[in-house]
Amino acid sequence: MNTSVAVNKFARVVVRDQKLPFDVAAHPHSLIKAELKRRIDNLENGGGSYHDLVEDDGC
């Protein structure tokens, strides 16, 4: 199946069903906030490690 056929099939399904043929989901804000808090707590309690900074050579 070439690209043209794939795009045409996708377009037909979208028009026929009036929706995308797959679910679009994002992480809820509360889950992201909870993960950030967990990582901050880990760092504040001695977790993680230090790394030397690397200078950007501008390339």
N, C-alpha and C. Protein backbone atom coordinates (compact mmCIF):
# COMPACT_ATOMS: atom_id res chain seq x y z
N MET A 1 0.86 -1.16 0.00
CA MET A 1 0.00 0.00 0.00
C MET A 1 0.91 1.23 0.00
N ASN A 2 0.72 2.10 -0.97
CA ASN A 2 1.54 3.30 -1.01
C ASN A 2 0.90 4.41 -0.17
N THR A 3 1.59 5.52 -0.06
CA THR A 3 1.13 6.62 0.79
C THR A 3 -0.20 7.18 0.33
N SER A 4 -0.38 7.31 -0.97
CA SER A 4 -1.62 7.88 -1.50
C SER A 4 -2.83 7.01 -1.12
N VAL A 5 -2.68 5.71 -1.25
CA VAL A 5 -3.77 4.80 -0.89
C VAL A 5 -4.06 4.88 0.60
N ALA A 6 -3.01 4.92 1.42
CA ALA A 6 -3.19 4.98 2.87
C ALA A 6 -3.91 6.26 3.29
N VAL A 7 -3.52 7.40 2.70
CA VAL A 7 -4.15 8.67 3.04
C VAL A 7 -5.61 8.67 2.60
N ASN A 8 -5.88 8.14 1.43
CA ASN A 8 -7.27 8.08 0.95
C ASN A 8 -8.14 7.20 1.85
N LYS A 9 -7.60 6.06 2.29
CA LYS A 9 -8.37 5.18 3.18
C LYS A 9 -8.64 5.89 4.52
N PHE A 10 -7.60 6.55 5.04
CA PHE A 10 -7.75 7.28 6.30
C PHE A 10 -8.83 8.36 6.16
N ALA A 11 -8.78 9.13 5.09
CA ALA A 11 -9.75 10.21 4.87
C ALA A 11 -11.17 9.65 4.75
N ARG A 12 -11.33 8.54 4.06
CA ARG A 12 -12.67 7.95 3.92
C ARG A 12 -13.24 7.51 5.27
N VAL A 13 -12.38 6.92 6.10
CA VAL A 13 -12.85 6.47 7.43
C VAL A 13 -13.23 7.68 8.28
N VAL A 14 -12.44 8.74 8.23
CA VAL A 14 -12.73 9.94 9.01
C VAL A 14 -14.05 10.56 8.57
N VAL A 15 -14.26 10.67 7.25
CA VAL A 15 -15.51 11.25 6.74
C VAL A 15 -16.69 10.36 7.08
N ARG A 16 -16.53 9.06 6.90
CA ARG A 16 -17.63 8.12 7.15
C ARG A 16 -18.03 8.12 8.62
N ASP A 17 -17.04 8.05 9.52
CA ASP A 17 -17.33 7.92 10.94
C ASP A 17 -17.45 9.26 11.66
N GLN A 18 -17.07 10.36 10.99
CA GLN A 18 -17.10 11.70 11.59
C GLN A 18 -16.25 11.80 12.85
N LYS A 19 -15.15 11.04 12.87
CA LYS A 19 -14.20 11.08 13.98
C LYS A 19 -12.90 10.43 13.54
N LEU A 20 -11.86 10.65 14.33
CA LEU A 20 -10.59 9.99 14.05
C LEU A 20 -10.71 8.50 14.37
N PRO A 21 -10.05 7.65 13.61
CA PRO A 21 -10.17 6.21 13.84
C PRO A 21 -9.28 5.70 14.98
N PHE A 22 -8.89 6.58 15.87
CA PHE A 22 -8.09 6.21 17.04
C PHE A 22 -8.37 7.23 18.14
N ASP A 23 -8.06 6.84 19.37
CA ASP A 23 -8.28 7.73 20.50
C ASP A 23 -7.07 8.63 20.71
N VAL A 24 -7.33 9.88 20.99
CA VAL A 24 -6.27 10.83 21.32
C VAL A 24 -6.41 11.13 22.80
N ALA A 25 -5.35 10.84 23.54
CA ALA A 25 -5.41 11.05 24.98
C ALA A 25 -4.14 11.74 25.46
N ALA A 26 -4.28 12.50 26.49
CA ALA A 26 -3.13 13.16 27.12
C ALA A 26 -3.17 12.82 28.60
N HIS A 27 -2.03 12.96 29.23
CA HIS A 27 -1.99 12.72 30.67
C HIS A 27 -2.75 13.83 31.39
N PRO A 28 -3.62 13.45 32.28
CA PRO A 28 -4.31 14.47 33.07
C PRO A 28 -3.30 15.28 33.89
N HIS A 29 -3.62 16.53 34.08
CA HIS A 29 -2.73 17.44 34.80
C HIS A 29 -2.35 16.89 36.17
N SER A 30 -3.27 16.26 36.84
CA SER A 30 -3.00 15.77 38.21
C SER A 30 -1.94 14.67 38.20
N LEU A 31 -1.90 13.83 37.16
CA LEU A 31 -0.89 12.78 37.10
C LEU A 31 0.49 13.38 36.86
N ILE A 32 0.57 14.38 36.00
CA ILE A 32 1.85 15.04 35.74
C ILE A 32 2.34 15.72 37.01
N LYS A 33 1.44 16.41 37.70
CA LYS A 33 1.80 17.11 38.94
C LYS A 33 2.27 16.12 39.99
N ALA A 34 1.62 14.97 40.11
CA ALA A 34 2.00 13.96 41.09
C ALA A 34 3.39 13.39 40.76
N GLU A 35 3.67 13.17 39.49
CA GLU A 35 4.98 12.64 39.09
C GLU A 35 6.08 13.66 39.38
N LEU A 36 5.84 14.93 39.10
CA LEU A 36 6.82 15.97 39.41
C LEU A 36 7.08 16.04 40.91
N LYS A 37 6.03 15.95 41.72
CA LYS A 37 6.19 15.98 43.18
C LYS A 37 7.01 14.78 43.64
N ARG A 38 6.76 13.62 43.08
CA ARG A 38 7.51 12.42 43.45
C ARG A 38 8.99 12.59 43.14
N ARG A 39 9.30 13.15 41.97
CA ARG A 39 10.69 13.34 41.57
C ARG A 39 11.38 14.39 42.45
N ILE A 40 10.68 15.47 42.77
CA ILE A 40 11.25 16.51 43.64
C ILE A 40 11.52 15.93 45.02
N ASP A 41 10.56 15.18 45.56
CA ASP A 41 10.75 14.55 46.87
C ASP A 41 11.96 13.61 46.84
N ASN A 42 12.12 12.87 45.76
CA ASN A 42 13.26 11.97 45.62
C ASN A 42 14.57 12.74 45.66
N LEU A 43 14.64 13.85 44.94
CA LEU A 43 15.85 14.66 44.92
C LEU A 43 16.13 15.29 46.28
N GLU A 44 15.09 15.78 46.94
CA GLU A 44 15.25 16.42 48.25
C GLU A 44 15.67 15.43 49.33
N ASN A 45 15.39 14.15 49.12
CA ASN A 45 15.74 13.12 50.09
C ASN A 45 17.03 12.38 49.72
N GLY A 46 17.85 13.01 48.89
CA GLY A 46 19.15 12.43 48.57
C GLY A 46 19.19 11.56 47.33
N GLY A 47 18.09 11.44 46.63
CA GLY A 47 18.09 10.65 45.41
C GLY A 47 18.71 11.43 44.26
N GLY A 48 18.97 10.78 43.18
CA GLY A 48 19.55 11.44 42.02
C GLY A 48 21.05 11.54 42.13
N SER A 49 21.65 12.17 41.17
CA SER A 49 23.11 12.35 41.18
C SER A 49 23.47 13.64 40.46
N TYR A 50 24.67 14.13 40.77
CA TYR A 50 25.16 15.35 40.15
C TYR A 50 25.96 15.01 38.90
N HIS A 51 25.88 15.86 37.92
CA HIS A 51 26.63 15.69 36.68
C HIS A 51 27.36 16.99 36.38
N ASP A 52 28.55 16.86 35.81
CA ASP A 52 29.28 18.05 35.39
C ASP A 52 28.56 18.69 34.22
N LEU A 53 28.57 20.01 34.18
CA LEU A 53 27.97 20.73 33.07
C LEU A 53 28.86 20.61 31.85
N VAL A 54 28.28 20.47 30.71
CA VAL A 54 29.03 20.37 29.46
C VAL A 54 28.79 21.67 28.70
N GLU A 55 29.87 22.32 28.30
CA GLU A 55 29.76 23.56 27.55
C GLU A 55 29.29 23.28 26.13
N ASP A 56 28.42 24.12 25.64
CA ASP A 56 27.93 24.00 24.27
C ASP A 56 28.96 24.65 23.34
N ASP A 57 29.41 23.90 22.33
CA ASP A 57 30.41 24.44 21.43
C ASP A 57 29.80 25.25 20.29
N GLY A 58 28.49 25.44 20.32
CA GLY A 58 27.81 26.29 19.34
C GLY A 58 27.50 25.61 18.02
N CYS A 59 27.72 24.33 17.92
CA CYS A 59 27.45 23.64 16.64
C CYS A 59 26.01 23.24 16.52
